[in-house]
Amino acid sequence: MASSSDRAILSQFQLENGNLLGGPVEIPLTVNIRQLNSVANGLVQAQEKLANDSNEPIPYSFYIDEIEIKESLEKYFQDQTNKQMFEKTLNIICVPKARFQVIPVERCTATIEGHLEAITILQFSPNGKLLASGSGDTTVRFWDLNTQTPFDEYGKAHRHWILCLSWAPNGKIVASSCKQGLIGLWVGATGKQHGTKLLSGHRQWINSLSWQPLHLDGSCRLLASGSKDTTIKIWDTHLFKTVFTLCGHTASVTCIKWGGQNLLYSASQDRTIKVWRTTDGILCRTLEGHAHWVNTLALSTDYVLRTGFYDPSKERATDDYDNLDEITVQTLALERYEKVYKLFDTTGGERLVSGSDDFTLYLWKPETDKKPLARMTGHQQLINDVKFSPDTRILASASFDKSIKLWSSRTGTFLTTLRGHVQAVYQIAWSADSRLLVSGSADSTLKVWNIEKRCLLFDLPGHADEIYAVDYSPDGQKVASGGKDKVLKLWRR
């Protein structure tokens, strides 16, 4: 009888989008992850007939029927006792991982005062060099991450709580909205107001802001807002006027996302998600399924749309947007977007996930289908936040049930539950390499999770009260958090 070291199996290597890497090859059953990476990289280079740009191998993880190969094929089959290994060609899915690795944040390097009321929202700029925050004190603050102090100039035109904040994907302008339904525009590099007035038109407060993606317009001119008054408005931020008002929802619009195919997705308390064509404001389709308010949306392309042309895996001579013209920036952003757009299948497509007060999530292919791809259940209370990992492979959802759950973004399959918080989890943020997740909670702590090992990595106490806002810088260098205690904290490795 042949020993395990002598046994081989016919295997077909395949990328996630369905592309085959060459033909079937016979590999030993004892092959380990390092050897599988060598085979996969050899097949990729043979197929492309050239080495990758850096002449460095691409790190892959390998899956068979959604189950990851952790050590070797032999160990995989030992764990899957009902698997028949020699009945057919073994299909091995190769999932590329980030070539760079983000080092986890583990200490607070600054506790910065400036806001006079709770910090409700904060966000890093697309390249991670700047930070803006909004507060119940009606101001939008900008922070110098080198000196760890607030800018002297800041947004003080609002007269009510700041509810939303969004950086334009070219990194130049920050949009903010308040409970009065007004929108402010600010120059990100200086904190000065862009223009002389706030944008007005909504009758009630604004719940969500979303910019047109950079690869569609290098000047980042158009901005969308969704309001409690049931309408969505698209604004020209150069002319300071409304371009379209989208009407169709019958209750408050809770979240909007501007997709890379120039479609706008809106979620509402009327339990529906609507898909709009932004070129003419026409309603394309309505996605139905949720039994209660739809609170949150996430797109598989969110990370690449947020960061525009900035790629944390590449060291550029400069990552200053001011030194690149609009056409160059738009072209670079389009190249990055197209790679992510084609990850799910050969024809491409964005995926949308929605989270609701009915404790469920739905996974959609919103460009073409009305029916959901999957319904994901398991949370015991309403869902606050949901985000795709930057590599689009994993979904993370945060809930009032004190847990974070991970799901396969391809099938909606439940992966694991991350437990550790003792009160509601309000917000989550991914690291740029998709290996880490940070969460902020009503229990006043941040937690850093190792997604590869599916475990808690660091517990970060320090805030004196509930944490409402948390963000991971796109360059992977730092985390910012803020909440009810009115202070902004910066965390580094």
Protein backbone atom coordinates (compact mmCIF):
# COMPACT_ATOMS: atom_id res chain seq x y z
CA MET A 1 0.00 0.00 0.00
CA ALA A 2 1.37 3.42 -0.98
CA SER A 3 2.26 5.86 1.80
CA SER A 4 0.59 9.27 1.91
CA SER A 5 3.81 10.83 0.59
CA ASP A 6 3.48 8.75 -2.59
CA ARG A 7 -0.15 9.59 -3.27
CA ALA A 8 -1.12 12.37 -5.67
CA ILE A 9 -4.35 13.98 -6.72
CA LEU A 10 -5.44 15.64 -9.98
CA SER A 11 -6.20 19.28 -9.20
CA GLN A 12 -7.49 22.29 -11.09
CA PHE A 13 -6.41 25.71 -9.82
CA GLN A 14 -8.96 28.46 -10.32
CA LEU A 15 -9.29 32.15 -9.45
CA GLU A 16 -12.34 33.44 -7.59
CA ASN A 17 -13.87 34.97 -10.70
CA GLY A 18 -13.95 31.59 -12.46
CA ASN A 19 -10.80 31.93 -14.57
CA LEU A 20 -8.82 28.67 -14.75
CA LEU A 21 -5.07 28.67 -14.17
CA GLY A 22 -3.92 26.33 -16.92
CA GLY A 23 -5.11 22.75 -17.07
CA PRO A 24 -5.38 20.10 -14.34
CA VAL A 25 -2.09 19.20 -12.63
CA GLU A 26 -1.18 16.25 -10.44
CA ILE A 27 0.08 17.31 -7.01
CA PRO A 28 1.17 15.22 -3.99
CA LEU A 29 -1.32 14.84 -1.18
CA THR A 30 1.32 16.08 1.27
CA VAL A 31 1.69 19.45 -0.49
CA ASN A 32 1.64 22.34 2.03
CA ILE A 33 0.51 25.97 1.75
CA ARG A 34 3.97 27.24 0.76
CA GLN A 35 4.20 24.67 -2.02
CA LEU A 36 0.65 25.40 -3.18
CA ASN A 37 1.63 29.07 -3.44
CA SER A 38 4.63 28.12 -5.60
CA VAL A 39 2.41 26.08 -7.94
CA ALA A 40 -0.25 28.80 -8.17
CA ASN A 41 2.27 31.57 -8.88
CA GLY A 42 3.95 29.41 -11.52
CA LEU A 43 0.61 28.84 -13.25
CA VAL A 44 -0.28 32.55 -13.09
CA GLN A 45 3.05 33.60 -14.57
CA ALA A 46 2.84 30.95 -17.28
CA GLN A 47 -0.65 32.13 -18.18
CA GLU A 48 0.33 35.79 -18.30
CA LYS A 49 3.68 34.92 -19.93
CA LEU A 50 5.41 37.37 -17.64
CA ALA A 51 6.26 37.77 -13.99
CA ASN A 52 4.33 40.23 -11.88
CA ASP A 53 5.65 43.77 -11.70
CA SER A 54 7.67 43.33 -8.52
CA ASN A 55 8.95 39.84 -9.36
CA GLU A 56 7.62 38.82 -5.98
CA PRO A 57 5.18 35.93 -5.59
CA ILE A 58 1.58 36.78 -4.78
CA PRO A 59 0.49 35.25 -1.45
CA TYR A 60 -2.65 33.14 -1.85
CA SER A 61 -5.05 31.39 0.45
CA PHE A 62 -6.67 28.22 -0.92
CA TYR A 63 -10.23 26.98 -0.61
CA ILE A 64 -12.13 23.83 -1.50
CA ASP A 65 -15.91 24.16 -1.30
CA GLU A 66 -15.59 27.37 0.80
CA ILE A 67 -13.34 25.60 3.34
CA GLU A 68 -9.80 26.93 3.66
CA ILE A 69 -6.79 24.62 3.38
CA LYS A 70 -4.87 25.51 6.54
CA GLU A 71 -1.84 23.19 6.45
CA SER A 72 -1.82 20.59 3.67
CA LEU A 73 -4.21 18.73 1.37
CA GLU A 74 -3.73 15.63 3.48
CA LYS A 75 -4.81 17.47 6.64
CA TYR A 76 -7.78 18.95 4.78
CA PHE A 77 -9.07 15.50 3.79
CA GLN A 78 -8.48 14.18 7.29
CA ASP A 79 -10.72 16.96 8.65
CA GLN A 80 -13.36 16.36 5.94
CA THR A 81 -14.06 12.71 6.67
CA ASN A 82 -16.92 12.47 4.19
CA LYS A 83 -14.91 13.91 1.29
CA GLN A 84 -14.14 11.52 -1.59
CA MET A 85 -10.79 12.69 -2.82
CA PHE A 86 -10.27 10.69 -6.00
CA GLU A 87 -13.72 10.68 -7.60
CA LYS A 88 -13.08 13.75 -9.74
CA THR A 89 -10.60 16.53 -10.41
CA LEU A 90 -10.17 18.58 -7.25
CA ASN A 91 -11.12 22.24 -7.76
CA ILE A 92 -8.86 24.53 -5.69
CA ILE A 93 -9.87 28.20 -5.48
CA CYS A 94 -6.93 30.62 -5.21
CA VAL A 95 -7.66 33.82 -3.31
CA PRO A 96 -4.92 36.48 -3.51
CA LYS A 97 -3.99 38.19 -0.25
CA ALA A 98 -2.46 41.64 0.16
CA ARG A 99 1.29 41.65 -0.50
CA PHE A 100 1.79 44.14 2.31
CA GLN A 101 0.82 43.51 5.91
CA VAL A 102 -0.69 46.01 8.30
CA ILE A 103 0.83 45.91 11.80
CA PRO A 104 -1.98 45.99 14.39
CA VAL A 105 -2.54 49.13 16.44
CA GLU A 106 -2.03 48.42 20.12
CA ARG A 107 -1.58 51.70 22.00
CA CYS A 108 -3.13 55.15 22.27
CA THR A 109 -0.65 57.80 21.14
CA ALA A 110 -2.86 60.86 21.56
CA THR A 111 -5.99 61.96 23.36
CA ILE A 112 -6.94 65.22 21.67
CA GLU A 113 -9.45 67.71 23.00
CA GLY A 114 -11.20 70.23 20.79
CA HIS A 115 -14.85 69.28 20.51
CA LEU A 116 -17.22 70.51 23.21
CA GLU A 117 -19.85 67.80 22.74
CA ALA A 118 -19.94 64.13 21.73
CA ILE A 119 -18.06 63.16 18.54
CA THR A 120 -20.69 61.64 16.25
CA ILE A 121 -18.66 60.87 13.12
CA LEU A 122 -15.05 60.85 11.93
CA GLN A 123 -13.24 59.81 8.77
CA PHE A 124 -9.70 59.71 7.41
CA SER A 125 -8.92 61.22 4.02
CA PRO A 126 -8.52 58.79 1.06
CA ASN A 127 -4.74 58.60 1.56
CA GLY A 128 -4.92 58.49 5.36
CA LYS A 129 -2.91 61.71 5.83
CA LEU A 130 -5.75 63.89 7.15
CA LEU A 131 -8.67 63.38 9.52
CA ALA A 132 -12.00 65.16 9.92
CA SER A 133 -14.60 64.78 12.66
CA GLY A 134 -18.10 66.05 13.36
CA SER A 135 -19.70 66.69 16.73
CA GLY A 136 -22.80 67.63 18.64
CA ASP A 137 -21.13 71.02 19.20
CA THR A 138 -22.14 71.83 15.55
CA THR A 139 -18.54 71.99 14.29
CA VAL A 140 -16.42 70.00 11.85
CA ARG A 141 -12.84 69.72 13.08
CA PHE A 142 -9.70 68.89 11.10
CA TRP A 143 -6.68 67.31 12.76
CA ASP A 144 -2.95 67.47 12.12
CA LEU A 145 -1.86 63.84 12.45
CA ASN A 146 1.83 64.76 12.71
CA THR A 147 1.53 67.19 15.63
CA GLN A 148 -1.67 65.52 16.89
CA THR A 149 -3.46 68.85 17.29
CA PRO A 150 -6.61 70.36 15.73
CA PHE A 151 -6.40 72.86 12.87
CA ASP A 152 -7.00 76.50 13.81
CA GLU A 153 -9.52 76.72 10.96
CA TYR A 154 -12.58 74.50 11.19
CA GLY A 155 -16.19 74.26 10.04
CA LYS A 156 -18.42 76.44 12.21
CA ALA A 157 -21.26 77.39 9.85
CA HIS A 158 -23.66 74.66 11.05
CA ARG A 159 -26.16 75.42 13.81
CA HIS A 160 -27.10 71.87 14.82
CA TRP A 161 -25.55 68.43 15.50
CA ILE A 162 -23.29 67.08 12.74
CA LEU A 163 -24.68 63.72 11.63
CA CYS A 164 -22.69 62.84 8.49
CA LEU A 165 -19.22 63.41 7.08
CA SER A 166 -17.69 62.31 3.79
CA TRP A 167 -14.37 63.03 2.05
CA ALA A 168 -14.43 63.48 -1.71
CA PRO A 169 -12.41 60.60 -3.23
CA ASN A 170 -9.85 63.08 -4.62
CA GLY A 171 -9.11 64.12 -1.02
CA LYS A 172 -9.78 67.81 -1.52
CA ILE A 173 -13.25 68.55 -0.15
CA VAL A 174 -15.12 67.29 2.92
CA ALA A 175 -18.91 67.36 2.98
CA SER A 176 -20.82 67.49 6.27
CA SER A 177 -24.51 67.50 7.09
CA CYS A 178 -26.41 68.50 10.21
CA LYS A 179 -29.74 67.89 11.89
CA GLN A 180 -31.15 71.02 10.22
CA GLY A 181 -30.78 69.34 6.81
CA LEU A 182 -27.96 71.62 5.62
CA ILE A 183 -24.73 70.55 3.89
CA GLY A 184 -21.38 72.22 4.46
CA LEU A 185 -18.33 71.93 2.18
CA TRP A 186 -14.81 72.35 3.57
CA VAL A 187 -11.30 72.36 2.14
CA GLY A 188 -9.68 69.27 3.66
CA ALA A 189 -6.12 70.60 3.70
CA THR A 190 -6.94 73.85 5.54
CA GLY A 191 -10.33 73.44 7.23
CA LYS A 192 -11.66 76.59 5.52
CA GLN A 193 -15.17 76.68 4.10
CA HIS A 194 -15.52 75.86 0.39
CA GLY A 195 -17.88 78.47 -1.02
CA THR A 196 -19.79 81.03 1.00
CA LYS A 197 -22.95 79.19 2.02
CA LEU A 198 -24.41 75.89 3.15
CA LEU A 199 -26.37 73.81 0.66
CA SER A 200 -30.07 73.85 1.55
CA GLY A 201 -33.06 72.03 0.11
CA HIS A 202 -33.92 69.14 2.41
CA ARG A 203 -36.87 69.67 4.77
CA GLN A 204 -35.49 67.39 7.51
CA TRP A 205 -32.12 66.11 8.65
CA ILE A 206 -29.70 64.23 6.38
CA ASN A 207 -28.76 60.65 7.28
CA SER A 208 -26.18 59.85 4.60
CA LEU A 209 -23.78 61.45 2.10
CA SER A 210 -22.03 59.83 -0.88
CA TRP A 211 -19.74 61.30 -3.56
CA GLN A 212 -19.65 60.29 -7.22
CA PRO A 213 -16.67 57.89 -7.64
CA LEU A 214 -13.36 59.37 -8.77
CA HIS A 215 -13.04 57.13 -11.85
CA LEU A 216 -16.31 58.61 -13.19
CA ASP A 217 -15.29 62.24 -12.62
CA GLY A 218 -11.76 63.40 -11.82
CA SER A 219 -13.05 66.67 -10.36
CA CYS A 220 -15.41 64.99 -7.84
CA ARG A 221 -18.14 67.47 -8.61
CA LEU A 222 -21.33 65.61 -7.68
CA LEU A 223 -22.52 64.72 -4.17
CA ALA A 224 -25.65 62.79 -3.13
CA SER A 225 -27.56 63.18 0.15
CA GLY A 226 -30.32 61.06 1.65
CA SER A 227 -32.73 62.59 4.15
CA LYS A 228 -35.45 61.84 6.68
CA ASP A 229 -37.76 63.83 4.36
CA THR A 230 -37.81 60.64 2.12
CA THR A 231 -35.89 62.28 -0.75
CA ILE A 232 -32.40 61.97 -2.20
CA LYS A 233 -30.74 64.99 -3.74
CA ILE A 234 -27.76 65.11 -6.10
CA TRP A 235 -25.79 68.33 -5.80
CA ASP A 236 -23.31 70.14 -8.05
CA THR A 237 -20.69 71.26 -5.53
CA HIS A 238 -19.11 73.66 -8.02
CA LEU A 239 -22.32 75.54 -8.80
CA PHE A 240 -23.82 74.94 -5.32
CA LYS A 241 -27.18 73.81 -6.66
CA THR A 242 -29.39 70.71 -6.90
CA VAL A 243 -29.10 68.62 -10.08
CA PHE A 244 -31.76 65.99 -9.32
CA THR A 245 -34.23 65.24 -6.55
CA LEU A 246 -35.03 61.53 -6.40
CA CYS A 247 -38.46 60.75 -4.97
CA GLY A 248 -39.89 57.28 -4.42
CA HIS A 249 -39.28 56.24 -0.85
CA THR A 250 -42.21 56.58 1.53
CA ALA A 251 -40.17 56.87 4.75
CA SER A 252 -36.82 58.21 5.93
CA VAL A 253 -33.80 57.44 3.71
CA THR A 254 -31.27 55.89 6.09
CA CYS A 255 -28.24 55.17 3.88
CA ILE A 256 -27.05 55.81 0.32
CA LYS A 257 -24.14 54.43 -1.72
CA TRP A 258 -22.92 55.75 -5.09
CA GLY A 259 -21.66 52.71 -7.00
CA GLY A 260 -18.91 52.47 -9.57
CA GLN A 261 -21.33 51.88 -12.45
CA ASN A 262 -22.96 55.29 -11.81
CA LEU A 263 -25.91 53.74 -10.00
CA LEU A 264 -27.08 55.07 -6.63
CA TYR A 265 -28.38 52.66 -4.00
CA SER A 266 -30.66 53.93 -1.22
CA ALA A 267 -32.01 52.19 1.89
CA SER A 268 -35.05 53.36 3.78
CA GLN A 269 -37.29 52.87 6.77
CA ASP A 270 -39.97 51.85 4.22
CA ARG A 271 -38.12 48.45 4.23
CA THR A 272 -36.95 48.76 0.61
CA ILE A 273 -33.69 49.43 -1.24
CA LYS A 274 -33.94 51.40 -4.46
CA VAL A 275 -31.53 51.50 -7.40
CA TRP A 276 -31.33 54.84 -9.25
CA ARG A 277 -29.64 55.86 -12.50
CA THR A 278 -27.73 59.03 -11.67
CA THR A 279 -27.42 60.27 -15.24
CA ASP A 280 -31.14 61.09 -15.42
CA GLY A 281 -32.57 60.29 -11.97
CA ILE A 282 -34.64 57.33 -13.17
CA LEU A 283 -35.57 54.55 -10.72
CA CYS A 284 -34.21 51.26 -12.12
CA ARG A 285 -35.57 48.72 -9.60
CA THR A 286 -36.70 48.22 -6.05
CA LEU A 287 -35.17 45.49 -3.88
CA GLU A 288 -37.57 44.03 -1.33
CA GLY A 289 -37.21 41.41 1.38
CA HIS A 290 -36.57 43.04 4.72
CA ALA A 291 -39.36 43.00 7.29
CA HIS A 292 -38.26 46.16 9.12
CA TRP A 293 -36.25 49.35 8.62
CA VAL A 294 -33.11 48.98 6.51
CA ASN A 295 -30.34 50.69 8.50
CA THR A 296 -27.13 50.22 6.61
CA LEU A 297 -25.66 49.36 3.20
CA ALA A 298 -22.21 48.29 2.04
CA LEU A 299 -20.80 47.84 -1.47
CA SER A 300 -18.09 45.34 -2.37
CA THR A 301 -16.25 48.23 -4.03
CA ASP A 302 -16.54 50.63 -1.06
CA TYR A 303 -12.85 50.54 -0.17
CA VAL A 304 -11.54 51.13 -3.69
CA LEU A 305 -14.14 53.86 -4.30
CA ARG A 306 -13.20 55.56 -1.04
CA THR A 307 -9.45 55.53 -1.69
CA GLY A 308 -9.63 56.56 -5.36
CA PHE A 309 -6.20 56.26 -6.96
CA TYR A 310 -4.35 55.78 -3.66
CA ASP A 311 -2.97 52.23 -3.35
CA PRO A 312 -1.43 51.43 0.06
CA SER A 313 0.45 48.46 -1.41
CA LYS A 314 2.54 50.73 -3.65
CA GLU A 315 5.07 53.27 -2.52
CA ARG A 316 4.64 56.21 -4.85
CA ALA A 317 7.12 59.04 -5.18
CA THR A 318 4.21 61.21 -4.04
CA ASP A 319 0.70 60.50 -2.90
CA ASP A 320 -0.25 64.15 -2.86
CA TYR A 321 -3.39 64.65 -4.95
CA ASP A 322 -2.45 68.25 -5.68
CA ASN A 323 0.56 67.11 -7.72
CA LEU A 324 -1.47 65.01 -10.16
CA ASP A 325 -3.86 66.28 -12.81
CA GLU A 326 -7.50 65.16 -12.90
CA ILE A 327 -7.10 62.90 -15.93
CA THR A 328 -4.17 61.00 -14.36
CA VAL A 329 -6.01 60.61 -11.06
CA GLN A 330 -9.17 59.42 -12.83
CA THR A 331 -7.24 56.91 -14.95
CA LEU A 332 -5.44 55.43 -11.95
CA ALA A 333 -8.71 55.19 -10.03
CA LEU A 334 -10.37 53.41 -12.97
CA GLU A 335 -7.57 50.82 -13.15
CA ARG A 336 -7.97 50.03 -9.45
CA TYR A 337 -11.76 49.88 -9.66
CA GLU A 338 -11.82 47.53 -12.65
CA LYS A 339 -9.64 44.99 -10.84
CA VAL A 340 -12.02 44.87 -7.88
CA TYR A 341 -15.12 44.93 -10.09
CA LYS A 342 -14.06 41.69 -11.79
CA LEU A 343 -13.25 39.75 -8.62
CA PHE A 344 -16.64 38.06 -8.25
CA ASP A 345 -16.96 36.58 -11.74
CA THR A 346 -15.63 36.95 -15.27
CA THR A 347 -18.39 39.36 -16.30
CA GLY A 348 -17.80 41.56 -13.26
CA GLY A 349 -20.28 43.12 -10.90
CA GLU A 350 -20.71 44.89 -7.60
CA ARG A 351 -22.32 43.21 -4.61
CA LEU A 352 -24.50 45.06 -2.12
CA VAL A 353 -25.30 43.97 1.43
CA SER A 354 -28.09 45.45 3.55
CA GLY A 355 -28.57 45.28 7.32
CA SER A 356 -31.88 45.80 9.06
CA ASP A 357 -33.84 46.15 12.29
CA ASP A 358 -35.29 42.71 11.47
CA PHE A 359 -31.91 41.25 12.63
CA THR A 360 -31.07 39.97 9.11
CA LEU A 361 -28.73 40.84 6.24
CA TYR A 362 -29.39 40.39 2.54
CA LEU A 363 -26.77 39.99 -0.18
CA TRP A 364 -27.70 41.44 -3.59
CA LYS A 365 -26.40 41.72 -7.13
CA PRO A 366 -28.13 45.07 -7.56
CA GLU A 367 -27.06 46.00 -11.09
CA THR A 368 -29.17 43.26 -12.64
CA ASP A 369 -31.21 41.25 -10.10
CA LYS A 370 -34.22 42.01 -7.93
CA LYS A 371 -33.95 38.82 -5.92
CA PRO A 372 -31.29 38.51 -3.20
CA LEU A 373 -28.37 36.11 -3.55
CA ALA A 374 -28.59 35.18 0.14
CA ARG A 375 -30.41 35.92 3.38
CA MET A 376 -28.12 35.92 6.41
CA THR A 377 -29.59 35.27 9.84
CA GLY A 378 -28.06 34.83 13.27
CA HIS A 379 -27.97 38.24 14.95
CA GLN A 380 -30.30 38.56 17.94
CA GLN A 381 -30.83 42.32 17.74
CA LEU A 382 -30.80 45.09 15.13
CA ILE A 383 -27.75 45.52 12.89
CA ASN A 384 -25.81 48.79 13.19
CA ASP A 385 -23.04 48.45 10.66
CA VAL A 386 -21.87 46.14 7.88
CA LYS A 387 -18.70 46.33 5.80
CA PHE A 388 -16.96 44.37 3.04
CA SER A 389 -13.29 43.65 3.59
CA PRO A 390 -11.07 45.61 1.15
CA ASP A 391 -10.33 42.37 -0.75
CA THR A 392 -14.14 41.88 -0.98
CA ARG A 393 -13.98 38.31 0.36
CA ILE A 394 -15.52 38.70 3.84
CA LEU A 395 -18.48 40.61 5.24
CA ALA A 396 -18.46 41.83 8.83
CA SER A 397 -21.64 42.90 10.60
CA ALA A 398 -22.00 44.65 13.97
CA SER A 399 -25.10 44.51 16.11
CA PHE A 400 -26.81 45.63 19.30
CA ASP A 401 -26.51 41.98 20.39
CA LYS A 402 -22.87 42.80 21.39
CA SER A 403 -21.38 40.59 18.66
CA ILE A 404 -19.65 40.87 15.29
CA LYS A 405 -20.37 38.19 12.72
CA LEU A 406 -18.29 37.25 9.66
CA TRP A 407 -19.85 35.96 6.43
CA SER A 408 -18.68 34.82 3.00
CA SER A 409 -19.34 37.65 0.57
CA ARG A 410 -19.69 35.13 -2.29
CA THR A 411 -22.44 32.96 -0.86
CA GLY A 412 -23.56 34.63 2.37
CA THR A 413 -22.37 31.58 4.34
CA PHE A 414 -21.87 32.23 8.05
CA LEU A 415 -18.19 31.96 9.06
CA THR A 416 -17.88 32.83 12.75
CA THR A 417 -18.97 35.10 15.59
CA LEU A 418 -16.51 37.45 17.30
CA ARG A 419 -17.47 37.93 20.94
CA GLY A 420 -15.85 40.15 23.54
CA HIS A 421 -17.84 43.38 23.79
CA VAL A 422 -20.27 43.60 26.70
CA GLN A 423 -22.54 46.20 25.16
CA ALA A 424 -23.79 47.13 21.67
CA VAL A 425 -21.21 47.31 18.86
CA TYR A 426 -21.78 50.59 17.02
CA GLN A 427 -19.18 50.68 14.25
CA ILE A 428 -16.48 48.55 12.63
CA ALA A 429 -13.56 49.30 10.29
CA TRP A 430 -11.23 47.06 8.24
CA SER A 431 -7.48 47.39 7.83
CA ALA A 432 -6.25 47.87 4.28
CA ASP A 433 -4.88 44.31 4.04
CA SER A 434 -8.18 42.70 5.17
CA ARG A 435 -6.41 40.83 7.99
CA LEU A 436 -7.59 43.04 10.87
CA LEU A 437 -10.89 44.49 12.03
CA VAL A 438 -11.42 47.16 14.68
CA SER A 439 -14.72 47.69 16.51
CA GLY A 440 -16.11 50.46 18.72
CA SER A 441 -18.78 49.82 21.31
CA ALA A 442 -21.08 51.29 23.91
CA ASP A 443 -18.86 49.52 26.48
CA SER A 444 -16.25 52.32 25.93
CA THR A 445 -13.61 49.98 24.43
CA LEU A 446 -12.08 49.41 21.04
CA LYS A 447 -11.17 45.87 20.08
CA VAL A 448 -8.78 44.71 17.36
CA TRP A 449 -9.58 41.32 15.82
CA ASN A 450 -7.32 38.93 13.88
CA ILE A 451 -9.53 37.84 10.98
CA GLU A 452 -7.24 35.06 9.74
CA LYS A 453 -7.28 33.38 13.15
CA ARG A 454 -10.80 34.63 13.97
CA CYS A 455 -9.86 35.80 17.46
CA LEU A 456 -9.44 38.91 19.63
CA LEU A 457 -5.98 40.41 19.23
CA PHE A 458 -6.03 43.54 21.43
CA ASP A 459 -8.46 45.13 23.85
CA LEU A 460 -8.05 48.92 23.79
CA PRO A 461 -9.63 50.69 26.78
CA GLY A 462 -9.22 54.41 27.37
CA HIS A 463 -12.44 56.16 26.43
CA ALA A 464 -14.57 57.30 29.36
CA ASP A 465 -17.90 56.59 27.66
CA GLU A 466 -19.60 55.11 24.59
CA ILE A 467 -17.63 55.08 21.31
CA TYR A 468 -19.78 56.30 18.44
CA ALA A 469 -17.22 56.56 15.64
CA VAL A 470 -14.15 54.59 14.59
CA ASP A 471 -12.08 54.53 11.40
CA TYR A 472 -8.96 52.71 10.16
CA SER A 473 -6.69 54.89 8.04
CA PRO A 474 -6.45 53.65 4.42
CA ASP A 475 -2.65 53.52 4.74
CA GLY A 476 -3.02 51.07 7.66
CA GLN A 477 -0.91 53.20 10.03
CA LYS A 478 -3.48 54.33 12.59
CA VAL A 479 -6.99 54.14 13.99
CA ALA A 480 -9.08 57.08 15.17
CA SER A 481 -12.00 56.90 17.59
CA GLY A 482 -14.41 59.31 19.21
CA GLY A 483 -17.63 59.30 21.16
CA LYS A 484 -19.63 60.52 24.10
CA ASP A 485 -16.57 61.62 26.14
CA LYS A 486 -15.89 64.41 23.55
CA VAL A 487 -12.24 63.44 22.95
CA LEU A 488 -10.61 62.09 19.83
CA LYS A 489 -8.10 59.29 20.32
CA LEU A 490 -5.40 58.16 17.90
CA TRP A 491 -4.11 54.60 18.10
CA ARG A 492 -0.92 53.34 16.49
CA ARG A 493 1.13 50.16 16.33
